[in-house]
Amino acid sequence: MSKNHFADAILPFLRGLLPILLSLCLCPAWAGRPPLILAFNTFSPWKTLDAQGQPSGPYVEIVKLLAARLDAPVHYLPCPLLRCLQAMRQGQADLVIGVRNSDDRDAYIDFLDPPFAAATPLAIYLRRADARQIRRFADLYPLRIGVVEGVRYLPVFDQDKQLERDFAPNSLSNFRKLLAGRIDALVINRRNGMELLRSQGWEALVREQPLQLPAQEERRLGLARRSPWYARRDQLTAVLRGMLRDGSIARLLAATATAPK
């Protein structure tokens, strides 16, 4: 066979072999650090959007620092809460943060120890013009109460069939419905409620009620059980412990004066 014929025969083989060789070289690096995908829903002041519309806030900074220490990039999956939970269930996202644990969620989300922040009590708001006072749990029974789809509040509240609930996609919608007279009251994370009222200038239009629903569950990072990162659960937990031990998480929460109260 002439040299030209040999070259003509071997070149197609080499062209086909080159992508395979490149992929073999690149695969270990990709396998070593897949992106961490955060299912992101806004929950001010901890999870917000900056002026460019990008995820921001101390909880986002916690995830970014965790990813940096794992030498992994962070990707964001913006979603309302129910869609975020579905993404975690299907393994389309790796992490959630600032989402309450429950028995049904535990089937597809592993809420990691140690917790990274204290729990926050739940507040109840009525319109300022409404003279009623909510002092006891039973005072809620006559009211139409705004809640957010997919949110777990407190077992005694969530499981009480005597309560009349009105569902909304988010807490801001509930405040709008309250001010429009479409609901009588709403229940919300107290710090989240204060931040939303401040941002909208509605503080003078509503009254926080004497009754607070107690904080019960500390905040944990949630890892999808179907995530490719689940095999590295122990590594994530170790890094999280290190961030707590060296004060990084405390600084991130305190730096913007938004540590949960």
C-alpha atoms as a PDB file:
ATOM      1  CA  MET A   1       0.000   0.000   0.000  1.00  0.00           C
ATOM      2  CA  SER A   2       1.378   3.421  -0.899  1.00  0.00           C
ATOM      3  CA  LYS A   3       1.950   6.052   1.750  1.00  0.00           C
ATOM      4  CA  ASN A   4      -0.890   8.147   0.336  1.00  0.00           C
ATOM      5  CA  HIS A   5      -3.325   5.225   0.467  1.00  0.00           C
ATOM      6  CA  PHE A   6      -2.245   4.444   4.032  1.00  0.00           C
ATOM      7  CA  ALA A   7      -2.780   8.068   5.091  1.00  0.00           C
ATOM      8  CA  ASP A   8      -6.196   8.126   3.442  1.00  0.00           C
ATOM      9  CA  ALA A   9      -7.149   4.980   5.350  1.00  0.00           C
ATOM     10  CA  ILE A  10      -5.849   6.001   8.769  1.00  0.00           C
ATOM     11  CA  LEU A  11      -7.023   9.640   8.905  1.00  0.00           C
ATOM     12  CA  PRO A  12     -10.746   8.873   9.397  1.00  0.00           C
ATOM     13  CA  PHE A  13      -9.816   6.481  12.202  1.00  0.00           C
ATOM     14  CA  LEU A  14      -7.688   9.144  13.918  1.00  0.00           C
ATOM     15  CA  ARG A  15     -10.431  11.752  13.557  1.00  0.00           C
ATOM     16  CA  GLY A  16     -12.853   9.397  15.286  1.00  0.00           C
ATOM     17  CA  LEU A  17     -10.351   8.517  18.008  1.00  0.00           C
ATOM     18  CA  LEU A  18      -9.473  12.123  18.922  1.00  0.00           C
ATOM     19  CA  PRO A  19     -12.803  13.035  20.625  1.00  0.00           C
ATOM     20  CA  ILE A  20     -12.645   9.810  22.638  1.00  0.00           C
ATOM     21  CA  LEU A  21      -9.124  10.580  23.841  1.00  0.00           C
ATOM     22  CA  LEU A  22     -10.125  14.130  24.755  1.00  0.00           C
ATOM     23  CA  SER A  23     -13.148  12.917  26.682  1.00  0.00           C
ATOM     24  CA  LEU A  24     -10.998  10.440  28.593  1.00  0.00           C
ATOM     25  CA  CYS A  25      -8.682  13.273  29.562  1.00  0.00           C
ATOM     26  CA  LEU A  26     -11.481  15.603  30.637  1.00  0.00           C
ATOM     27  CA  CYS A  27     -13.856  13.201  32.364  1.00  0.00           C
ATOM     28  CA  PRO A  28     -11.936  12.816  35.639  1.00  0.00           C
ATOM     29  CA  ALA A  29     -11.912  16.591  36.187  1.00  0.00           C
ATOM     30  CA  TRP A  30     -15.639  16.882  35.462  1.00  0.00           C
ATOM     31  CA  ALA A  31     -16.421  13.849  37.610  1.00  0.00           C
ATOM     32  CA  GLY A  32     -14.429  15.340  40.471  1.00  0.00           C
ATOM     33  CA  ARG A  33     -16.427  18.571  40.671  1.00  0.00           C
ATOM     34  CA  PRO A  34     -19.943  18.546  39.232  1.00  0.00           C
ATOM     35  CA  PRO A  35     -21.860  21.771  39.838  1.00  0.00           C
ATOM     36  CA  LEU A  36     -23.941  22.220  42.954  1.00  0.00           C
ATOM     37  CA  ILE A  37     -27.435  23.181  41.812  1.00  0.00           C
ATOM     38  CA  LEU A  38     -29.364  25.246  44.354  1.00  0.00           C
ATOM     39  CA  ALA A  39     -33.157  25.220  44.053  1.00  0.00           C
ATOM     40  CA  PHE A  40     -33.732  28.902  44.761  1.00  0.00           C
ATOM     41  CA  ASN A  41     -36.923  30.584  45.939  1.00  0.00           C
ATOM     42  CA  THR A  42     -36.892  34.074  47.425  1.00  0.00           C
ATOM     43  CA  PHE A  43     -37.317  34.308  51.194  1.00  0.00           C
ATOM     44  CA  SER A  44     -36.197  37.733  52.373  1.00  0.00           C
ATOM     45  CA  PRO A  45     -34.040  38.752  54.072  1.00  0.00           C
ATOM     46  CA  TRP A  46     -32.122  35.491  53.717  1.00  0.00           C
ATOM     47  CA  LYS A  47     -32.717  34.697  50.018  1.00  0.00           C
ATOM     48  CA  THR A  48     -33.223  37.722  47.775  1.00  0.00           C
ATOM     49  CA  LEU A  49     -32.425  39.054  44.301  1.00  0.00           C
ATOM     50  CA  ASP A  50     -29.797  41.746  43.782  1.00  0.00           C
ATOM     51  CA  ALA A  51     -30.079  44.759  41.471  1.00  0.00           C
ATOM     52  CA  GLN A  52     -29.154  42.556  38.500  1.00  0.00           C
ATOM     53  CA  GLY A  53     -31.804  39.987  39.384  1.00  0.00           C
ATOM     54  CA  GLN A  54     -29.248  37.445  40.602  1.00  0.00           C
ATOM     55  CA  PRO A  55     -29.693  35.271  43.718  1.00  0.00           C
ATOM     56  CA  SER A  56     -28.326  37.038  46.769  1.00  0.00           C
ATOM     57  CA  GLY A  57     -28.549  37.126  50.548  1.00  0.00           C
ATOM     58  CA  PRO A  58     -26.759  35.361  53.404  1.00  0.00           C
ATOM     59  CA  TYR A  59     -28.198  31.906  52.669  1.00  0.00           C
ATOM     60  CA  VAL A  60     -26.921  32.150  49.094  1.00  0.00           C
ATOM     61  CA  GLU A  61     -23.508  33.211  50.412  1.00  0.00           C
ATOM     62  CA  ILE A  62     -23.454  30.143  52.665  1.00  0.00           C
ATOM     63  CA  VAL A  63     -24.028  27.878  49.660  1.00  0.00           C
ATOM     64  CA  LYS A  64     -21.398  29.730  47.613  1.00  0.00           C
ATOM     65  CA  LEU A  65     -18.813  29.311  50.363  1.00  0.00           C
ATOM     66  CA  LEU A  66     -19.703  25.632  50.742  1.00  0.00           C
ATOM     67  CA  ALA A  67     -19.243  25.145  46.992  1.00  0.00           C
ATOM     68  CA  ALA A  68     -15.933  27.027  46.997  1.00  0.00           C
ATOM     69  CA  ARG A  69     -14.574  24.763  49.718  1.00  0.00           C
ATOM     70  CA  LEU A  70     -15.702  21.764  47.691  1.00  0.00           C
ATOM     71  CA  ASP A  71     -14.051  23.263  44.572  1.00  0.00           C
ATOM     72  CA  ALA A  72     -17.387  23.142  42.732  1.00  0.00           C
ATOM     73  CA  PRO A  73     -19.305  25.775  40.754  1.00  0.00           C
ATOM     74  CA  VAL A  74     -22.781  26.861  41.865  1.00  0.00           C
ATOM     75  CA  HIS A  75     -25.747  26.874  39.504  1.00  0.00           C
ATOM     76  CA  TYR A  76     -29.161  28.289  40.419  1.00  0.00           C
ATOM     77  CA  LEU A  77     -32.574  26.893  39.599  1.00  0.00           C
ATOM     78  CA  PRO A  78     -35.087  29.702  40.295  1.00  0.00           C
ATOM     79  CA  CYS A  79     -38.470  28.255  41.247  1.00  0.00           C
ATOM     80  CA  PRO A  80     -41.493  28.761  43.480  1.00  0.00           C
ATOM     81  CA  LEU A  81     -41.370  26.539  46.534  1.00  0.00           C
ATOM     82  CA  LEU A  82     -43.487  23.685  45.159  1.00  0.00           C
ATOM     83  CA  ARG A  83     -41.432  23.576  41.961  1.00  0.00           C
ATOM     84  CA  CYS A  84     -38.203  23.637  43.989  1.00  0.00           C
ATOM     85  CA  LEU A  85     -39.410  20.663  46.007  1.00  0.00           C
ATOM     86  CA  GLN A  86     -40.316  18.813  42.816  1.00  0.00           C
ATOM     87  CA  ALA A  87     -36.828  19.481  41.427  1.00  0.00           C
ATOM     88  CA  MET A  88     -35.322  18.033  44.598  1.00  0.00           C
ATOM     89  CA  ARG A  89     -37.600  15.003  44.396  1.00  0.00           C
ATOM     90  CA  GLN A  90     -36.553  14.335  40.796  1.00  0.00           C
ATOM     91  CA  GLY A  91     -32.843  14.980  41.351  1.00  0.00           C
ATOM     92  CA  GLN A  92     -32.857  18.064  39.108  1.00  0.00           C
ATOM     93  CA  ALA A  93     -31.432  20.138  41.976  1.00  0.00           C
ATOM     94  CA  ASP A  94     -28.919  19.221  44.656  1.00  0.00           C
ATOM     95  CA  LEU A  95     -29.594  21.648  47.499  1.00  0.00           C
ATOM     96  CA  VAL A  96     -32.274  23.682  49.226  1.00  0.00           C
ATOM     97  CA  ILE A  97     -31.685  26.079  52.088  1.00  0.00           C
ATOM     98  CA  GLY A  98     -34.196  27.754  54.375  1.00  0.00           C
ATOM     99  CA  VAL A  99     -36.827  25.055  53.763  1.00  0.00           C
ATOM    100  CA  ARG A 100     -38.529  23.368  56.701  1.00  0.00           C
ATOM    101  CA  ASN A 101     -38.196  19.627  57.215  1.00  0.00           C
ATOM    102  CA  SER A 102     -41.206  17.305  57.362  1.00  0.00           C
ATOM    103  CA  ASP A 103     -41.820  13.559  57.226  1.00  0.00           C
ATOM    104  CA  ASP A 104     -42.913  13.601  53.577  1.00  0.00           C
ATOM    105  CA  ARG A 105     -39.950  15.734  52.492  1.00  0.00           C
ATOM    106  CA  ASP A 106     -37.527  13.484  54.349  1.00  0.00           C
ATOM    107  CA  ALA A 107     -38.291  10.789  51.772  1.00  0.00           C
ATOM    108  CA  TYR A 108     -36.380  12.738  49.100  1.00  0.00           C
ATOM    109  CA  ILE A 109     -34.399  15.414  50.993  1.00  0.00           C
ATOM    110  CA  ASP A 110     -31.741  14.675  53.599  1.00  0.00           C
ATOM    111  CA  PHE A 111     -31.674  17.637  55.995  1.00  0.00           C
ATOM    112  CA  LEU A 112     -28.064  17.674  57.097  1.00  0.00           C
ATOM    113  CA  ASP A 113     -26.675  17.960  60.589  1.00  0.00           C
ATOM    114  CA  PRO A 114     -25.487  20.160  62.069  1.00  0.00           C
ATOM    115  CA  PRO A 115     -28.120  22.915  61.770  1.00  0.00           C
ATOM    116  CA  PHE A 116     -26.616  26.213  60.669  1.00  0.00           C
ATOM    117  CA  ALA A 117     -29.086  28.716  62.206  1.00  0.00           C
ATOM    118  CA  ALA A 118     -31.724  29.025  64.883  1.00  0.00           C
ATOM    119  CA  ALA A 119     -35.426  28.771  64.161  1.00  0.00           C
ATOM    120  CA  THR A 120     -37.633  31.857  63.850  1.00  0.00           C
ATOM    121  CA  PRO A 121     -41.139  32.112  65.356  1.00  0.00           C
ATOM    122  CA  LEU A 122     -44.234  32.555  63.231  1.00  0.00           C
ATOM    123  CA  ALA A 123     -46.180  35.823  63.380  1.00  0.00           C
ATOM    124  CA  ILE A 124     -49.861  36.465  62.702  1.00  0.00           C
ATOM    125  CA  TYR A 125     -51.000  39.681  61.025  1.00  0.00           C
ATOM    126  CA  LEU A 126     -54.413  41.344  60.732  1.00  0.00           C
ATOM    127  CA  ARG A 127     -55.351  44.604  59.047  1.00  0.00           C
ATOM    128  CA  ARG A 128     -54.873  47.560  61.381  1.00  0.00           C
ATOM    129  CA  ALA A 129     -58.548  48.464  61.012  1.00  0.00           C
ATOM    130  CA  ASP A 130     -59.566  45.015  62.273  1.00  0.00           C
ATOM    131  CA  ALA A 131     -60.175  45.331  66.022  1.00  0.00           C
ATOM    132  CA  ARG A 132     -59.935  41.603  66.735  1.00  0.00           C
ATOM    133  CA  GLN A 133     -57.079  40.315  68.883  1.00  0.00           C
ATOM    134  CA  ILE A 134     -55.464  36.913  68.378  1.00  0.00           C
ATOM    135  CA  ARG A 135     -54.296  35.882  71.837  1.00  0.00           C
ATOM    136  CA  ARG A 136     -55.072  32.162  71.859  1.00  0.00           C
ATOM    137  CA  PHE A 137     -54.852  29.525  69.149  1.00  0.00           C
ATOM    138  CA  ALA A 138     -58.644  29.132  69.246  1.00  0.00           C
ATOM    139  CA  ASP A 139     -58.996  32.787  68.186  1.00  0.00           C
ATOM    140  CA  LEU A 140     -57.868  31.675  64.713  1.00  0.00           C
ATOM    141  CA  TYR A 141     -60.892  29.457  64.092  1.00  0.00           C
ATOM    142  CA  PRO A 142     -63.323  32.156  62.860  1.00  0.00           C
ATOM    143  CA  LEU A 143     -60.737  33.585  60.446  1.00  0.00           C
ATOM    144  CA  ARG A 144     -59.840  32.986  56.823  1.00  0.00           C
ATOM    145  CA  ILE A 145     -56.063  32.603  57.069  1.00  0.00           C
ATOM    146  CA  GLY A 146     -53.579  33.194  54.257  1.00  0.00           C
ATOM    147  CA  VAL A 147     -50.855  30.572  53.864  1.00  0.00           C
ATOM    148  CA  VAL A 148     -48.298  29.807  51.147  1.00  0.00           C
ATOM    149  CA  GLU A 149     -48.618  26.703  48.984  1.00  0.00           C
ATOM    150  CA  GLY A 150     -46.159  24.020  50.031  1.00  0.00           C
ATOM    151  CA  VAL A 151     -44.992  25.733  53.226  1.00  0.00           C
ATOM    152  CA  ARG A 152     -44.870  23.765  56.477  1.00  0.00           C
ATOM    153  CA  TYR A 153     -45.623  26.037  59.425  1.00  0.00           C
ATOM    154  CA  LEU A 154     -46.134  24.095  62.656  1.00  0.00           C
ATOM    155  CA  PRO A 155     -47.616  20.596  63.046  1.00  0.00           C
ATOM    156  CA  VAL A 156     -50.402  21.787  65.345  1.00  0.00           C
ATOM    157  CA  PHE A 157     -51.292  24.465  62.776  1.00  0.00           C
ATOM    158  CA  ASP A 158     -50.805  22.373  59.635  1.00  0.00           C
ATOM    159  CA  GLN A 159     -52.879  19.454  60.897  1.00  0.00           C
ATOM    160  CA  ASP A 160     -55.805  21.362  62.431  1.00  0.00           C
ATOM    161  CA  LYS A 161     -58.812  20.710  60.192  1.00  0.00           C
ATOM    162  CA  GLN A 162     -60.883  23.416  61.899  1.00  0.00           C
ATOM    163  CA  LEU A 163     -58.733  26.181  60.429  1.00  0.00           C
ATOM    164  CA  GLU A 164     -59.838  27.791  57.170  1.00  0.00           C
ATOM    165  CA  ARG A 165     -56.807  28.273  54.954  1.00  0.00           C
ATOM    166  CA  ASP A 166     -56.507  30.357  51.804  1.00  0.00           C
ATOM    167  CA  PHE A 167     -53.516  29.455  49.621  1.00  0.00           C
ATOM    168  CA  ALA A 168     -51.242  31.833  47.714  1.00  0.00           C
ATOM    169  CA  PRO A 169     -48.010  31.323  45.743  1.00  0.00           C
ATOM    170  CA  ASN A 170     -45.987  33.524  48.123  1.00  0.00           C
ATOM    171  CA  SER A 171     -46.222  35.683  51.231  1.00  0.00           C
ATOM    172  CA  LEU A 172     -46.286  38.959  49.305  1.00  0.00           C
ATOM    173  CA  SER A 173     -49.481  37.794  47.602  1.00  0.00           C
ATOM    174  CA  ASN A 174     -50.925  37.009  51.022  1.00  0.00           C
ATOM    175  CA  PHE A 175     -50.197  40.516  52.282  1.00  0.00           C
ATOM    176  CA  ARG A 176     -51.888  41.967  49.198  1.00  0.00           C
ATOM    177  CA  LYS A 177     -54.938  39.775  49.808  1.00  0.00           C
ATOM    178  CA  LEU A 178     -55.001  40.812  53.457  1.00  0.00           C
ATOM    179  CA  LEU A 179     -54.934  44.515  52.581  1.00  0.00           C
ATOM    180  CA  ALA A 180     -57.649  43.961  49.958  1.00  0.00           C
ATOM    181  CA  GLY A 181     -59.878  42.257  52.536  1.00  0.00           C
ATOM    182  CA  ARG A 182     -59.846  38.889  50.763  1.00  0.00           C
ATOM    183  CA  ILE A 183     -58.455  37.149  53.854  1.00  0.00           C
ATOM    184  CA  ASP A 184     -58.723  38.007  57.549  1.00  0.00           C
ATOM    185  CA  ALA A 185     -55.229  37.078  58.677  1.00  0.00           C
ATOM    186  CA  LEU A 186     -51.970  35.567  57.523  1.00  0.00           C
ATOM    187  CA  VAL A 187     -49.259  33.469  59.126  1.00  0.00           C
ATOM    188  CA  ILE A 188     -45.633  34.086  58.222  1.00  0.00           C
ATOM    189  CA  ASN A 189     -42.074  33.655  59.463  1.00  0.00           C
ATOM    190  CA  ARG A 190     -41.772  36.698  61.712  1.00  0.00           C
ATOM    191  CA  ARG A 191     -38.511  38.004  60.292  1.00  0.00           C
ATOM    192  CA  ASN A 192     -39.683  37.418  56.728  1.00  0.00           C
ATOM    193  CA  GLY A 193     -42.908  39.313  57.480  1.00  0.00           C
ATOM    194  CA  MET A 194     -41.043  42.287  58.941  1.00  0.00           C
ATOM    195  CA  GLU A 195     -38.779  42.462  55.890  1.00  0.00           C
ATOM    196  CA  LEU A 196     -41.651  42.280  53.391  1.00  0.00           C
ATOM    197  CA  LEU A 197     -43.639  44.975  55.209  1.00  0.00           C
ATOM    198  CA  ARG A 198     -40.597  47.236  55.362  1.00  0.00           C
ATOM    199  CA  SER A 199     -39.794  46.760  51.677  1.00  0.00           C
ATOM    200  CA  GLN A 200     -43.367  47.608  50.632  1.00  0.00           C
ATOM    201  CA  GLY A 201     -43.955  50.410  53.156  1.00  0.00           C
ATOM    202  CA  TRP A 202     -46.967  48.620  54.645  1.00  0.00           C
ATOM    203  CA  GLU A 203     -45.995  48.627  58.329  1.00  0.00           C
ATOM    204  CA  ALA A 204     -48.749  51.102  59.262  1.00  0.00           C
ATOM    205  CA  LEU A 205     -51.463  49.090  57.486  1.00  0.00           C
ATOM    206  CA  VAL A 206     -51.288  45.881  59.533  1.00  0.00           C
ATOM    207  CA  ARG A 207     -50.917  44.795  63.153  1.00  0.00           C
ATOM    208  CA  GLU A 208     -48.847  41.911  64.442  1.00  0.00           C
ATOM    209  CA  GLN A 209     -50.944  39.907  66.878  1.00  0.00           C
ATOM    210  CA  PRO A 210     -50.052  38.983  70.485  1.00  0.00           C
ATOM    211  CA  LEU A 211     -50.059  35.277  69.636  1.00  0.00           C
ATOM    212  CA  GLN A 212     -46.865  33.918  68.114  1.00  0.00           C
ATOM    213  CA  LEU A 213     -46.479  30.326  66.999  1.00  0.00           C
ATOM    214  CA  PRO A 214     -43.253  29.075  68.564  1.00  0.00           C
ATOM    215  CA  ALA A 215     -40.107  28.322  66.631  1.00  0.00           C
ATOM    216  CA  GLN A 216     -39.383  24.603  66.737  1.00  0.00           C
ATOM    217  CA  GLU A 217     -36.973  23.542  64.037  1.00  0.00           C
ATOM    218  CA  GLU A 218     -33.456  24.834  63.498  1.00  0.00           C
ATOM    219  CA  ARG A 219     -32.379  25.624  59.947  1.00  0.00           C
ATOM    220  CA  ARG A 220     -30.636  22.863  58.005  1.00  0.00           C
ATOM    221  CA  LEU A 221     -29.187  22.517  54.541  1.00  0.00           C
ATOM    222  CA  GLY A 222     -31.186  20.033  52.462  1.00  0.00           C
ATOM    223  CA  LEU A 223     -29.445  17.583  50.089  1.00  0.00           C
ATOM    224  CA  ALA A 224     -31.498  15.739  47.469  1.00  0.00           C
ATOM    225  CA  ARG A 225     -31.282  11.989  47.955  1.00  0.00           C
ATOM    226  CA  ARG A 226     -31.189  11.572  44.159  1.00  0.00           C
ATOM    227  CA  SER A 227     -28.394  14.126  43.762  1.00  0.00           C
ATOM    228  CA  PRO A 228     -25.046  12.990  42.323  1.00  0.00           C
ATOM    229  CA  TRP A 229     -23.603  14.742  45.376  1.00  0.00           C
ATOM    230  CA  TYR A 230     -25.409  12.389  47.743  1.00  0.00           C
ATOM    231  CA  ALA A 231     -22.514   9.937  47.517  1.00  0.00           C
ATOM    232  CA  ARG A 232     -20.407  12.750  49.034  1.00  0.00           C
ATOM    233  CA  ARG A 233     -22.832  13.482  51.844  1.00  0.00           C
ATOM    234  CA  ASP A 234     -20.156  12.990  54.506  1.00  0.00           C
ATOM    235  CA  GLN A 235     -17.858  15.429  52.723  1.00  0.00           C
ATOM    236  CA  LEU A 236     -20.589  18.096  52.561  1.00  0.00           C
ATOM    237  CA  THR A 237     -21.365  17.582  56.234  1.00  0.00           C
ATOM    238  CA  ALA A 238     -17.689  17.879  57.175  1.00  0.00           C
ATOM    239  CA  VAL A 239     -17.323  21.130  55.228  1.00  0.00           C
ATOM    240  CA  LEU A 240     -20.505  22.500  56.806  1.00  0.00           C
ATOM    241  CA  ARG A 241     -19.175  21.653  60.273  1.00  0.00           C
ATOM    242  CA  GLY A 242     -15.944  23.442  59.432  1.00  0.00           C
ATOM    243  CA  MET A 243     -17.838  26.565  58.333  1.00  0.00           C
ATOM    244  CA  LEU A 244     -19.697  26.593  61.642  1.00  0.00           C
ATOM    245  CA  ARG A 245     -16.571  25.883  63.669  1.00  0.00           C
ATOM    246  CA  ASP A 246     -14.478  28.668  62.118  1.00  0.00           C
ATOM    247  CA  GLY A 247     -17.285  31.226  62.397  1.00  0.00           C
ATOM    248  CA  SER A 248     -17.794  31.679  58.649  1.00  0.00           C
ATOM    249  CA  ILE A 249     -21.553  31.089  58.782  1.00  0.00           C
ATOM    250  CA  ALA A 250     -22.000  33.376  61.786  1.00  0.00           C
ATOM    251  CA  ARG A 251     -20.129  36.125  59.940  1.00  0.00           C
ATOM    252  CA  LEU A 252     -22.216  35.694  56.798  1.00  0.00           C
ATOM    253  CA  LEU A 253     -25.452  35.922  58.769  1.00  0.00           C
ATOM    254  CA  ALA A 254     -24.267  38.864  60.862  1.00  0.00           C
ATOM    255  CA  ALA A 255     -22.503  40.827  58.114  1.00  0.00           C
ATOM    256  CA  THR A 256     -25.772  42.011  56.611  1.00  0.00           C
ATOM    257  CA  ALA A 257     -27.555  42.253  59.986  1.00  0.00           C
ATOM    258  CA  THR A 258     -29.916  39.493  58.931  1.00  0.00           C
ATOM    259  CA  ALA A 259     -29.174  36.700  61.380  1.00  0.00           C
ATOM    260  CA  PRO A 260     -32.464  34.957  62.244  1.00  0.00           C
ATOM    261  CA  LYS A 261     -34.131  36.191  65.431  1.00  0.00           C
END
